[in-house]
């Protein structure tokens, strides 16, 4: 039995298999959570534009990821001290509250303020979720476990945008916000029935919110963190620019690219996670990057539905190959008892990469259709930087 299992104090979780009730509940909760906030993504650029904030579309994602990134050290520390479940619950509750506040804000400033606070949701829940997964699975099956969990998270990311556009088109944007809240509270109810995995957890006290530089950065996971940053830059570009590209190409449902991308990601996550357990994290990351770069390059040439969806398939396959490997890679390098901090470091890189992708792509795009190719080729260049870094680091 592996070290992770030996350190577990809950008998029901003291087992080497990953296919247990707690794991599946966590997967279901993640599906609902990722559905809840991703269903908003395709409709927010047009919503902000209607308010008169077309020039601020890059901030829709950037502000969200800014708060998520800044909150990671807190969520990492708290998940290592007070437990995984309380941190997950807090993140899901933030999503629930935000859905009811969006319809009350009718100014650009008010909307962007809510995006800033909404980022707390992903700053907390995914950090504790990844730590929980690491607690309940053997080290030799981390890639597989991350692939399975990622399958459910990605399903939420696929269902969310598509359903979000359908709901907004049929019932209006306010109905979409309220639906997002209802879905997020369902993920909270599932969490309340789960068993805590952190041994010797502490009660919350305000002093735990005092964080130092050591809580922001774990030197041991710098390599996967840097790879993550350059990889998800492309995702920030896609989240910000693809809704406009979809409309420009004449398609009403702005979630069609995201759904195709996510389905492609789903198709390979479990299989590629197993391969990363067998052949290593670096080889699978290199393999995934090749497809990601190809997808972003081809997206720059997209002119019809076929090319749009082909790019989504390539990008999704590359992304689905890489992300479980990077998650497992981070946990592999984490110190025992400090998984929350290591995962928080990786997520800080993730939020920074997405935020930079959103901001820089909007500054390049400038709401001009002729600039679409350059934004996506910039994303391909970022993926190439990740590829070069892995090869350079491996050769040291």
Protein backbone atom coordinates (compact mmCIF):
# COMPACT_ATOMS: atom_id res chain seq x y z
CA UNK A 1 0.00 0.00 0.00
CA UNK A 2 1.40 3.42 -0.88
CA UNK A 3 2.41 6.21 1.49
CA UNK A 4 -0.69 8.23 0.73
CA UNK A 5 -2.94 5.44 1.95
CA UNK A 6 -0.89 4.86 5.08
CA UNK A 7 -1.31 8.46 6.10
CA UNK A 8 -5.09 8.36 5.76
CA UNK A 9 -6.97 8.32 9.01
CA UNK A 10 -10.44 7.58 7.66
CA UNK A 11 -10.89 3.79 7.29
CA UNK A 12 -13.32 4.13 4.40
CA UNK A 13 -10.63 5.88 2.40
CA UNK A 14 -7.75 3.62 3.44
CA UNK A 15 -7.64 1.68 0.18
CA UNK A 16 -5.48 1.67 -2.93
CA UNK A 17 -8.32 1.83 -5.43
CA UNK A 18 -9.57 5.13 -6.80
CA UNK A 19 -13.04 4.01 -7.80
CA UNK A 20 -14.83 4.63 -4.50
CA UNK A 21 -17.89 6.64 -3.53
CA UNK A 22 -15.90 9.65 -2.31
CA UNK A 23 -14.03 9.92 -5.58
CA UNK A 24 -17.19 9.75 -7.69
CA UNK A 25 -18.97 12.31 -5.50
CA UNK A 26 -16.04 14.64 -5.98
CA UNK A 27 -16.18 14.12 -9.75
CA UNK A 28 -19.92 14.88 -9.83
CA UNK A 29 -19.43 18.01 -7.72
CA UNK A 30 -16.71 19.20 -10.10
CA UNK A 31 -18.93 18.59 -13.12
CA UNK A 32 -21.61 20.83 -11.64
CA UNK A 33 -19.14 23.46 -10.44
CA UNK A 34 -17.41 23.83 -13.80
CA UNK A 35 -20.76 23.91 -15.56
CA UNK A 36 -21.97 26.73 -13.31
CA UNK A 37 -19.42 29.39 -14.20
CA UNK A 38 -18.49 28.19 -17.69
CA UNK A 39 -22.06 28.56 -18.90
CA UNK A 40 -21.59 32.32 -18.55
CA UNK A 41 -18.41 32.60 -20.63
CA UNK A 42 -19.79 32.75 -24.20
CA UNK A 43 -22.42 35.38 -23.35
CA UNK A 44 -20.39 37.77 -21.21
CA UNK A 45 -18.49 39.60 -24.02
CA UNK A 46 -21.75 40.60 -25.73
CA UNK A 47 -23.33 41.42 -22.35
CA UNK A 48 -20.46 43.76 -21.48
CA UNK A 49 -20.52 45.29 -24.97
CA UNK A 50 -24.23 46.08 -24.58
CA UNK A 51 -23.33 48.02 -21.41
CA UNK A 52 -20.85 50.07 -23.40
CA UNK A 53 -17.78 48.17 -22.27
CA UNK A 54 -16.57 46.66 -25.56
CA UNK A 55 -13.03 47.89 -24.90
CA UNK A 56 -12.93 46.02 -21.58
CA UNK A 57 -13.74 42.51 -22.82
CA UNK A 58 -10.23 41.34 -21.98
CA UNK A 59 -10.97 42.10 -18.32
CA UNK A 60 -13.85 39.59 -18.21
CA UNK A 61 -11.35 36.76 -17.91
CA UNK A 62 -8.36 38.75 -16.61
CA UNK A 63 -10.11 40.06 -13.47
CA UNK A 64 -11.60 36.63 -12.77
CA UNK A 65 -8.18 34.98 -13.00
CA UNK A 66 -6.46 37.79 -11.07
CA UNK A 67 -8.53 37.13 -7.96
CA UNK A 68 -8.31 33.39 -8.46
CA UNK A 69 -4.53 33.60 -8.61
CA UNK A 70 -4.19 35.92 -5.61
CA UNK A 71 -6.43 33.67 -3.52
CA UNK A 72 -4.48 30.47 -4.26
CA UNK A 73 -1.95 30.88 -1.42
CA UNK A 74 -4.84 31.28 1.02
CA UNK A 75 -6.77 28.31 -0.36
CA UNK A 76 -3.63 26.17 -0.44
CA UNK A 77 -2.73 27.00 3.16
CA UNK A 78 -6.29 26.58 4.40
CA UNK A 79 -6.77 23.25 2.63
CA UNK A 80 -3.61 21.97 4.37
CA UNK A 81 -4.78 23.26 7.76
CA UNK A 82 -8.59 23.28 8.13
CA UNK A 83 -9.39 20.61 5.54
CA UNK A 84 -10.19 20.12 1.88
CA UNK A 85 -13.99 20.17 2.13
CA UNK A 86 -14.50 23.57 3.85
CA UNK A 87 -12.32 25.21 1.19
CA UNK A 88 -14.25 23.51 -1.62
CA UNK A 89 -17.58 24.55 -0.11
CA UNK A 90 -16.49 28.19 0.14
CA UNK A 91 -15.51 28.28 -3.53
CA UNK A 92 -18.84 26.80 -4.66
CA UNK A 93 -20.84 29.17 -2.46
CA UNK A 94 -19.12 32.17 -4.08
CA UNK A 95 -20.45 30.97 -7.47
CA UNK A 96 -23.93 30.68 -5.98
CA UNK A 97 -23.92 34.24 -4.63
CA UNK A 98 -22.47 35.81 -7.79
CA UNK A 99 -25.22 34.43 -9.99
CA UNK A 100 -27.79 36.44 -8.04
CA UNK A 101 -25.72 39.63 -8.04
CA UNK A 102 -25.01 39.91 -11.79
CA UNK A 103 -28.60 40.93 -12.69
CA UNK A 104 -28.41 43.73 -10.12
CA UNK A 105 -25.37 45.35 -11.76
CA UNK A 106 -26.09 47.57 -14.77
CA UNK A 107 -22.82 49.44 -15.12
CA UNK A 108 -19.48 48.40 -16.56
CA UNK A 109 -17.72 49.13 -13.28
CA UNK A 110 -20.21 47.10 -11.25
CA UNK A 111 -20.00 44.16 -13.65
CA UNK A 112 -16.20 44.12 -13.60
CA UNK A 113 -16.22 44.29 -9.80
CA UNK A 114 -18.36 41.15 -9.70
CA UNK A 115 -15.97 39.41 -12.09
CA UNK A 116 -13.19 40.25 -9.65
CA UNK A 117 -15.02 38.65 -6.72
CA UNK A 118 -16.28 35.74 -8.81
CA UNK A 119 -12.67 34.65 -9.26
CA UNK A 120 -12.57 33.60 -5.61
CA UNK A 121 -14.65 30.57 -6.61
CA UNK A 122 -11.98 28.98 -8.78
CA UNK A 123 -9.28 30.28 -6.45
CA UNK A 124 -10.61 28.00 -3.72
CA UNK A 125 -12.53 24.99 -4.97
CA UNK A 126 -10.13 23.48 -7.58
CA UNK A 127 -7.13 23.86 -5.24
CA UNK A 128 -8.76 21.83 -2.49
CA UNK A 129 -10.28 19.42 -5.02
CA UNK A 130 -6.87 18.51 -6.46
CA UNK A 131 -5.50 17.99 -2.95
CA UNK A 132 -8.47 15.74 -2.15
CA UNK A 133 -7.84 13.64 -5.27
CA UNK A 134 -4.17 13.29 -4.30
CA UNK A 135 -5.28 12.10 -0.84
CA UNK A 136 -7.53 9.31 -2.07
CA UNK A 137 -5.56 7.75 -4.94
CA UNK A 138 -2.28 5.80 -5.09
CA UNK A 139 0.75 7.67 -6.39
CA UNK A 140 1.10 5.15 -9.23
CA UNK A 141 -2.34 6.07 -10.59
CA UNK A 142 -2.32 9.85 -10.22
CA UNK A 143 -2.29 10.52 -13.94
CA UNK A 144 -5.24 8.19 -14.43
CA UNK A 145 -7.11 9.76 -11.51
CA UNK A 146 -6.50 13.27 -12.77
CA UNK A 147 -7.67 12.14 -16.19
CA UNK A 148 -10.90 10.70 -14.81
CA UNK A 149 -11.58 13.74 -12.65
CA UNK A 150 -10.66 15.97 -15.56
CA UNK A 151 -13.16 14.07 -17.69
CA UNK A 152 -15.96 15.22 -15.38
CA UNK A 153 -14.62 18.76 -15.07
CA UNK A 154 -14.32 18.99 -18.84
CA UNK A 155 -17.82 17.61 -19.27
CA UNK A 156 -19.00 20.54 -17.18
CA UNK A 157 -16.94 22.87 -19.35
CA UNK A 158 -18.55 21.34 -22.46
CA UNK A 159 -22.13 21.36 -21.20
CA UNK A 160 -21.85 24.81 -19.62
CA UNK A 161 -21.12 27.05 -22.63
CA UNK A 162 -23.52 25.25 -24.94
CA UNK A 163 -26.39 25.25 -22.43
CA UNK A 164 -25.56 28.79 -21.41
CA UNK A 165 -26.06 30.12 -24.91
CA UNK A 166 -29.28 28.13 -25.30
CA UNK A 167 -30.67 29.49 -22.03
CA UNK A 168 -29.64 33.08 -22.82
CA UNK A 169 -31.10 32.94 -26.33
CA UNK A 170 -34.38 31.39 -25.17
CA UNK A 171 -35.00 32.99 -21.75
CA UNK A 172 -32.61 35.93 -21.45
CA UNK A 173 -29.33 36.66 -19.71
CA UNK A 174 -30.85 36.99 -16.21
CA UNK A 175 -32.23 33.45 -16.44
CA UNK A 176 -28.71 32.31 -17.32
CA UNK A 177 -27.26 33.95 -14.21
CA UNK A 178 -29.88 32.34 -11.95
CA UNK A 179 -29.35 28.94 -13.55
CA UNK A 180 -25.63 29.26 -12.90
CA UNK A 181 -26.37 29.84 -9.20
CA UNK A 182 -28.66 26.83 -8.96
CA UNK A 183 -26.11 24.52 -10.55
CA UNK A 184 -23.35 25.72 -8.22
CA UNK A 185 -25.42 25.15 -5.07
CA UNK A 186 -26.05 21.58 -6.22
CA UNK A 187 -22.27 21.04 -6.18
CA UNK A 188 -22.21 22.33 -2.58
CA UNK A 189 -24.89 19.86 -1.46
CA UNK A 190 -22.81 16.98 -2.82
CA UNK A 191 -19.73 18.18 -0.94
CA UNK A 192 -21.61 18.22 2.36
CA UNK A 193 -22.03 14.45 2.12
CA UNK A 194 -18.33 13.75 1.64
CA UNK A 195 -15.71 12.60 4.14
CA UNK A 196 -12.75 14.82 5.03
CA UNK A 197 -9.35 13.38 4.06
CA UNK A 198 -6.98 15.73 5.91
CA UNK A 199 -5.68 14.16 9.12
CA UNK A 200 -5.37 16.35 12.23
CA UNK A 201 -7.27 19.26 10.73
CA UNK A 202 -7.44 22.53 12.66
CA UNK A 203 -10.41 24.81 13.37
CA UNK A 204 -10.45 27.99 11.30
CA UNK A 205 -8.91 31.08 12.87
CA UNK A 206 -8.21 34.43 11.30
CA UNK A 207 -4.45 34.13 11.81
CA UNK A 208 -4.43 31.39 9.14
CA UNK A 209 -5.07 34.13 6.58
CA UNK A 210 -1.61 35.54 7.26
CA UNK A 211 0.44 34.26 4.33
CA UNK A 212 4.08 34.73 3.48
CA UNK A 213 6.10 34.31 0.29
CA UNK A 214 6.53 30.62 1.06
CA UNK A 215 2.76 30.23 0.66
CA UNK A 216 2.81 31.87 -2.77
CA UNK A 217 5.56 29.82 -4.34
CA UNK A 218 6.78 26.25 -4.00
CA UNK A 219 10.21 25.98 -5.62
CA UNK A 220 9.84 22.24 -5.96
CA UNK A 221 7.13 22.52 -8.63
CA UNK A 222 8.57 25.35 -10.70
CA UNK A 223 8.95 23.25 -13.87
CA UNK A 224 5.32 22.10 -14.23
CA UNK A 225 4.19 25.58 -13.13
CA UNK A 226 6.12 27.29 -15.93
CA UNK A 227 4.83 24.76 -18.46
CA UNK A 228 1.30 25.41 -17.21
CA UNK A 229 1.69 29.18 -17.57
CA UNK A 230 2.77 29.04 -21.22
CA UNK A 231 0.22 26.33 -22.04
CA UNK A 232 -2.91 28.04 -20.68
CA UNK A 233 -2.00 31.39 -22.22
CA UNK A 234 -3.77 29.97 -25.28
CA UNK A 235 -6.86 29.22 -23.22
CA UNK A 236 -7.08 32.85 -22.12
CA UNK A 237 -6.91 33.86 -25.77
CA UNK A 238 -9.66 31.41 -26.72
CA UNK A 239 -11.98 32.46 -23.89
CA UNK A 240 -11.67 36.12 -24.86
CA UNK A 241 -11.58 36.08 -28.67
CA UNK A 242 -13.40 32.95 -29.88
CA UNK A 243 -16.94 34.18 -29.00
CA UNK A 244 -16.41 37.16 -31.34
CA UNK A 245 -14.84 34.94 -34.00
CA UNK A 246 -17.83 32.58 -33.85
CA UNK A 247 -20.28 35.44 -34.40
CA UNK A 248 -18.07 36.86 -37.16
CA UNK A 249 -18.27 33.52 -38.97
CA UNK A 250 -22.07 33.66 -38.76
CA UNK A 251 -22.96 31.24 -35.94
CA UNK A 252 -25.51 32.20 -33.30
CA UNK A 253 -24.44 29.76 -30.55
CA UNK A 254 -21.17 31.16 -29.24
CA UNK A 255 -20.51 27.99 -27.23
CA UNK A 256 -20.02 25.70 -30.24
CA UNK A 257 -16.22 25.99 -30.24
CA UNK A 258 -15.99 25.41 -26.48
CA UNK A 259 -18.22 22.35 -26.66
CA UNK A 260 -16.19 20.80 -29.48
CA UNK A 261 -12.90 21.65 -27.79
CA UNK A 262 -14.05 20.11 -24.52
CA UNK A 263 -15.43 16.96 -26.13
CA UNK A 264 -12.06 16.46 -27.82
CA UNK A 265 -10.39 16.97 -24.46
CA UNK A 266 -12.75 14.46 -22.85
CA UNK A 267 -11.99 11.83 -25.46
CA UNK A 268 -8.36 11.52 -24.41
CA UNK A 269 -8.04 12.58 -20.78
CA UNK A 270 -8.36 9.17 -19.10
CA UNK A 271 -6.29 7.33 -21.70
CA UNK A 272 -3.55 9.96 -21.75
CA UNK A 273 -3.54 10.13 -17.96
CA UNK A 274 -2.78 6.40 -17.84
CA UNK A 275 -0.02 6.84 -20.41
CA UNK A 276 1.55 9.58 -18.29
CA UNK A 277 1.65 7.13 -15.35
CA UNK A 278 3.43 4.64 -17.59
CA UNK A 279 5.75 6.76 -19.74
CA UNK A 280 6.18 9.94 -17.68
CA UNK A 281 4.79 13.46 -17.47
CA UNK A 282 7.28 15.17 -19.79
CA UNK A 283 6.77 12.93 -22.87
CA UNK A 284 2.99 13.29 -22.66
CA UNK A 285 3.27 17.05 -22.18
CA UNK A 286 5.46 17.32 -25.29
CA UNK A 287 3.00 15.21 -27.28
CA UNK A 288 0.07 17.36 -26.16
CA UNK A 289 1.86 20.61 -26.96
CA UNK A 290 2.34 19.59 -30.58
CA UNK A 291 -1.43 19.31 -31.02
CA UNK A 292 -2.11 22.50 -29.06
CA UNK A 293 0.27 24.50 -31.24
CA UNK A 294 -1.27 22.99 -34.40
CA UNK A 295 -4.78 23.86 -33.20
CA UNK A 296 -3.95 27.48 -32.46
CA UNK A 297 -2.06 27.90 -35.72
CA UNK A 298 -4.96 26.48 -37.74
CA UNK A 299 -7.49 28.59 -35.85
CA UNK A 300 -5.75 31.65 -37.23
CA UNK A 301 -6.87 30.51 -40.69
CA UNK A 302 -10.46 29.64 -39.68
CA UNK A 303 -13.03 30.92 -42.18
CA UNK A 304 -15.96 28.49 -41.89
CA UNK A 305 -17.54 25.96 -39.52
CA UNK A 306 -15.27 23.11 -40.63
CA UNK A 307 -12.03 24.98 -39.95
CA UNK A 308 -13.37 26.39 -36.67
CA UNK A 309 -14.30 22.94 -35.35
CA UNK A 310 -11.14 21.29 -36.70
CA UNK A 311 -9.07 23.79 -34.76
CA UNK A 312 -11.21 23.10 -31.69
CA UNK A 313 -10.57 19.35 -32.03
CA UNK A 314 -6.79 19.78 -32.32
CA UNK A 315 -6.66 22.24 -29.46
CA UNK A 316 -8.90 20.09 -27.28
CA UNK A 317 -6.87 16.94 -27.88
CA UNK A 318 -3.64 18.73 -27.01
CA UNK A 319 -5.12 20.38 -23.93
CA UNK A 320 -6.72 17.13 -22.74
CA UNK A 321 -3.41 15.34 -23.07
CA UNK A 322 -1.40 17.95 -21.20
CA UNK A 323 -3.50 19.07 -18.24
CA UNK A 324 -3.80 15.71 -16.37
CA UNK A 325 -0.05 15.23 -16.85
CA UNK A 326 0.78 18.67 -15.43
CA UNK A 327 -1.53 18.15 -12.44
CA UNK A 328 0.01 14.74 -11.68
CA UNK A 329 3.50 16.12 -12.29
CA UNK A 330 2.90 18.83 -9.69
CA UNK A 331 1.64 16.36 -7.09
CA UNK A 332 4.58 14.04 -7.81
CA UNK A 333 6.97 16.82 -6.79
CA UNK A 334 4.96 18.10 -3.80
CA UNK A 335 6.29 17.65 -0.29
CA UNK A 336 4.24 15.42 2.00
CA UNK A 337 1.87 17.54 4.05
CA UNK A 338 2.25 20.52 1.70
CA UNK A 339 0.25 19.38 -1.31
CA UNK A 340 -2.09 22.35 -0.98
CA UNK A 341 0.81 24.79 -1.34
CA UNK A 342 2.27 22.96 -4.35
CA UNK A 343 -1.10 22.81 -6.07
CA UNK A 344 -1.71 26.48 -5.26
CA UNK A 345 1.60 27.36 -6.97
CA UNK A 346 0.55 25.45 -10.07
CA UNK A 347 -2.83 27.18 -10.08
CA UNK A 348 -1.25 30.61 -9.66
CA UNK A 349 0.68 29.88 -12.86
CA UNK A 350 -2.56 28.75 -14.47
CA UNK A 351 -4.44 31.92 -13.55
CA UNK A 352 -1.52 34.13 -14.55
CA UNK A 353 -1.28 32.43 -17.93
CA UNK A 354 -5.02 32.68 -18.63
CA UNK A 355 -5.14 36.29 -17.46
CA UNK A 356 -2.18 37.32 -19.62
CA UNK A 357 -3.70 35.51 -22.57
CA UNK A 358 -6.96 37.40 -22.13
CA UNK A 359 -5.37 40.83 -21.70
CA UNK A 360 -2.73 40.57 -24.40
CA UNK A 361 -5.07 39.01 -26.97
CA UNK A 362 -7.63 41.79 -26.48
CA UNK A 363 -4.93 44.42 -26.92
CA UNK A 364 -3.87 42.73 -30.18
CA UNK A 365 -7.43 42.09 -31.39
CA UNK A 366 -8.81 45.59 -30.63
CA UNK A 367 -12.27 44.48 -31.86
CA UNK A 368 -11.03 44.31 -35.47
CA UNK A 369 -11.81 41.16 -37.44
CA UNK A 370 -8.59 41.48 -39.42
CA UNK A 371 -6.61 40.89 -36.23
CA UNK A 372 -8.14 37.47 -35.43
CA UNK A 373 -5.24 35.47 -36.94
CA UNK A 374 -2.56 37.33 -34.99
CA UNK A 375 -4.19 36.62 -31.64
CA UNK A 376 -4.30 32.87 -32.28
CA UNK A 377 -0.80 32.72 -33.73
CA UNK A 378 0.38 34.49 -30.58
CA UNK A 379 -1.21 31.65 -28.58
CA UNK A 380 0.61 29.11 -30.78
CA UNK A 381 3.89 30.92 -30.04
CA UNK A 382 3.23 30.66 -26.31
CA UNK A 383 2.70 26.91 -26.70
CA UNK A 384 6.00 26.73 -28.59
CA UNK A 385 7.70 28.45 -25.64
CA UNK A 386 6.36 25.73 -23.32
CA UNK A 387 7.69 23.06 -25.67
CA UNK A 388 11.14 24.65 -25.85
CA UNK A 389 11.25 25.02 -22.07
CA UNK A 390 10.46 21.32 -21.46
CA UNK A 391 13.13 20.23 -23.94
CA UNK A 392 15.66 22.64 -22.46
CA UNK A 393 14.90 21.66 -18.86
CA UNK A 394 15.10 17.95 -19.67
CA UNK A 395 18.46 18.43 -21.36
CA UNK A 396 20.10 20.23 -18.41
